[in-house]
Amino acid sequence: MKHLLLLAGACVFVDQSSKAMALVWLAPGAPVAVLPGFNLTLGFNEGASFGMLSGVMSGRPLLMAALTGALTLVFAIMALRTKSPLESAGLAMIVGGATGNLIDRLRQGAVTDFLDLYWQDWHWPAFNGADIAITAGALCILCAAIPTRRQKETTVD
């Protein structure tokens, strides 16, 4: 359990620290080129991941925060109950990322996004460190779900 708290806490710390720097150093809508295909562009998301439901949730930050909080609690319980170390680590990253975004919703009514990947004129929706933690956590859970050869051999016996 201690390791799960440390991992989730590290995700929150990195996310909130990077967002604090973005809020200080970046102006909304003014991209800063970092590498070809990557800008820092400050924006705010009132919806779910990658701007989904932003029209529905616009002006309802407490409802979105309540939904996020409920899902975060469910994932935290799942992290404590699973026996797979990779799955529990993935769930801890999801809890940490969701908590980072929840803090934004409660503090400012929207999630701070600032990472902008693009190709020519096509831009992926802006995202943040919490979104990276959530995505990495989901990938860990998917990897934990893939049966290994050893698992197959023990289930056949």
Protein backbone atom coordinates (compact mmCIF):
# COMPACT_ATOMS: atom_id res chain seq x y z
CA MET A 1 0.00 0.00 0.00
CA LYS A 2 2.87 2.38 0.81
CA HIS A 3 4.29 1.96 -2.69
CA LEU A 4 0.91 2.72 -4.25
CA LEU A 5 0.58 5.92 -2.23
CA LEU A 6 4.11 6.99 -3.19
CA LEU A 7 3.45 6.33 -6.89
CA ALA A 8 0.10 8.14 -6.87
CA GLY A 9 1.64 11.01 -4.88
CA ALA A 10 4.55 11.30 -7.30
CA CYS A 11 2.08 11.55 -10.21
CA VAL A 12 0.18 14.33 -8.42
CA PHE A 13 3.40 16.18 -7.55
CA VAL A 14 4.84 16.08 -11.08
CA ASP A 15 1.48 17.04 -12.59
CA GLN A 16 0.80 19.95 -10.25
CA SER A 17 4.39 21.23 -10.43
CA SER A 18 4.41 21.23 -14.22
CA LYS A 19 1.00 22.94 -14.35
CA ALA A 20 2.18 25.62 -11.91
CA MET A 21 5.15 26.34 -14.17
CA ALA A 22 2.89 26.43 -17.23
CA LEU A 23 0.55 28.90 -15.54
CA VAL A 24 3.49 31.18 -14.69
CA TRP A 25 5.47 30.96 -17.93
CA LEU A 26 2.84 30.56 -20.65
CA ALA A 27 0.12 32.87 -21.95
CA PRO A 28 -3.19 31.30 -23.04
CA GLY A 29 -3.28 30.56 -26.76
CA ALA A 30 0.34 31.67 -27.39
CA PRO A 31 2.26 28.55 -28.49
CA VAL A 32 5.92 28.20 -27.57
CA ALA A 33 7.79 25.95 -30.03
CA VAL A 34 9.90 23.30 -28.33
CA LEU A 35 10.58 20.74 -31.07
CA PRO A 36 9.13 20.09 -34.50
CA GLY A 37 5.73 18.60 -33.74
CA PHE A 38 5.69 19.75 -30.10
CA ASN A 39 4.62 23.08 -28.59
CA LEU A 40 3.78 24.32 -25.15
CA THR A 41 0.33 25.93 -25.42
CA LEU A 42 -1.64 26.92 -22.33
CA GLY A 43 -5.32 26.02 -22.38
CA PHE A 44 -8.12 25.02 -20.03
CA ASN A 45 -10.39 22.00 -20.37
CA GLU A 46 -13.81 21.94 -18.71
CA GLY A 47 -14.65 18.49 -20.08
CA ALA A 48 -13.23 15.01 -19.68
CA SER A 49 -10.04 13.67 -21.26
CA PHE A 50 -9.00 15.40 -24.48
CA GLY A 51 -11.93 17.82 -24.27
CA MET A 52 -14.68 15.21 -24.52
CA LEU A 53 -17.96 16.39 -22.98
CA SER A 54 -16.64 19.96 -22.71
CA GLY A 55 -19.91 21.35 -24.06
CA VAL A 56 -22.00 19.28 -21.66
CA MET A 57 -19.83 20.03 -18.63
CA SER A 58 -19.14 23.69 -19.43
CA GLY A 59 -20.02 25.77 -16.38
CA ARG A 60 -20.45 22.67 -14.19
CA PRO A 61 -17.03 22.18 -12.59
CA LEU A 62 -18.41 20.76 -9.34
CA LEU A 63 -20.39 18.08 -11.21
CA MET A 64 -17.29 17.12 -13.19
CA ALA A 65 -15.23 17.15 -9.98
CA ALA A 66 -17.78 14.88 -8.25
CA LEU A 67 -17.70 12.41 -11.16
CA THR A 68 -13.90 12.47 -11.21
CA GLY A 69 -13.73 12.02 -7.46
CA ALA A 70 -16.10 9.04 -7.52
CA LEU A 71 -14.15 7.32 -10.29
CA THR A 72 -10.88 8.04 -8.51
CA LEU A 73 -12.20 6.36 -5.36
CA VAL A 74 -13.29 3.30 -7.37
CA PHE A 75 -9.82 3.01 -8.95
CA ALA A 76 -8.14 3.43 -5.55
CA ILE A 77 -10.19 0.56 -4.12
CA MET A 78 -9.36 -1.57 -7.14
CA ALA A 79 -5.64 -0.78 -6.68
CA LEU A 80 -5.77 -2.02 -3.10
CA ARG A 81 -7.63 -5.22 -4.01
CA THR A 82 -5.70 -6.45 -7.04
CA LYS A 83 -2.98 -9.06 -6.64
CA SER A 84 -1.05 -8.05 -9.77
CA PRO A 85 1.80 -5.60 -9.03
CA LEU A 86 1.66 -4.19 -12.57
CA GLU A 87 -2.10 -3.72 -12.42
CA SER A 88 -1.93 -2.05 -9.00
CA ALA A 89 0.83 0.28 -10.24
CA GLY A 90 -1.31 1.17 -13.25
CA LEU A 91 -4.30 1.88 -11.04
CA ALA A 92 -2.13 4.02 -8.73
CA MET A 93 -0.98 6.09 -11.73
CA ILE A 94 -4.61 6.55 -12.79
CA VAL A 95 -5.52 7.63 -9.24
CA GLY A 96 -2.59 10.07 -9.16
CA GLY A 97 -3.43 11.55 -12.56
CA ALA A 98 -7.12 11.82 -11.79
CA THR A 99 -6.32 13.48 -8.46
CA GLY A 100 -4.09 16.02 -10.22
CA ASN A 101 -6.91 16.93 -12.59
CA LEU A 102 -9.42 16.95 -9.72
CA ILE A 103 -7.29 19.53 -7.88
CA ASP A 104 -7.43 21.77 -10.97
CA ARG A 105 -11.21 21.44 -11.25
CA LEU A 106 -11.71 22.36 -7.60
CA ARG A 107 -9.15 25.20 -7.70
CA GLN A 108 -10.01 26.86 -11.01
CA GLY A 109 -13.06 25.12 -12.50
CA ALA A 110 -11.11 23.58 -15.39
CA VAL A 111 -8.05 21.42 -16.01
CA THR A 112 -4.83 23.13 -17.09
CA ASP A 113 -3.48 21.68 -20.34
CA PHE A 114 -0.26 22.79 -22.01
CA LEU A 115 1.35 19.95 -23.98
CA ASP A 116 0.57 20.26 -27.69
CA LEU A 117 1.56 17.55 -30.17
CA TYR A 118 0.92 18.26 -33.84
CA TRP A 119 1.64 17.17 -37.39
CA GLN A 120 1.45 19.94 -40.01
CA ASP A 121 -1.95 21.56 -39.31
CA TRP A 122 -3.38 18.68 -37.25
CA HIS A 123 -3.13 19.06 -33.46
CA TRP A 124 -3.81 16.34 -30.91
CA PRO A 125 -5.94 17.82 -28.11
CA ALA A 126 -3.70 19.57 -25.57
CA PHE A 127 -2.93 17.51 -22.49
CA ASN A 128 -0.89 17.50 -19.26
CA GLY A 129 1.14 15.33 -16.90
CA ALA A 130 -1.98 13.88 -15.30
CA ASP A 131 -3.17 12.68 -18.70
CA ILE A 132 0.21 11.02 -19.27
CA ALA A 133 -0.06 9.24 -15.90
CA ILE A 134 -3.61 8.09 -16.68
CA THR A 135 -2.58 6.81 -20.12
CA ALA A 136 0.52 5.06 -18.78
CA GLY A 137 -1.59 3.52 -16.02
CA ALA A 138 -4.10 2.20 -18.54
CA LEU A 139 -1.26 0.69 -20.57
CA CYS A 140 0.07 -1.04 -17.42
CA ILE A 141 -3.37 -2.52 -16.78
CA LEU A 142 -3.58 -3.73 -20.39
CA CYS A 143 -0.13 -5.30 -20.14
CA ALA A 144 -1.10 -7.00 -16.87
CA ALA A 145 -4.14 -8.47 -18.61
CA ILE A 146 -2.07 -10.13 -21.34
CA PRO A 147 -1.51 -13.72 -20.32
CA THR A 148 2.15 -14.69 -20.16
CA ARG A 149 3.48 -18.10 -21.06
CA ARG A 150 3.99 -18.95 -17.38
CA GLN A 151 0.36 -18.03 -16.60
CA LYS A 152 -0.84 -20.23 -19.46
CA GLU A 153 1.23 -23.19 -18.22
CA THR A 154 -0.09 -22.96 -14.66
CA THR A 155 -3.71 -22.69 -15.78
CA VAL A 156 -3.39 -25.74 -18.07
CA ASP A 157 -2.05 -27.98 -15.27
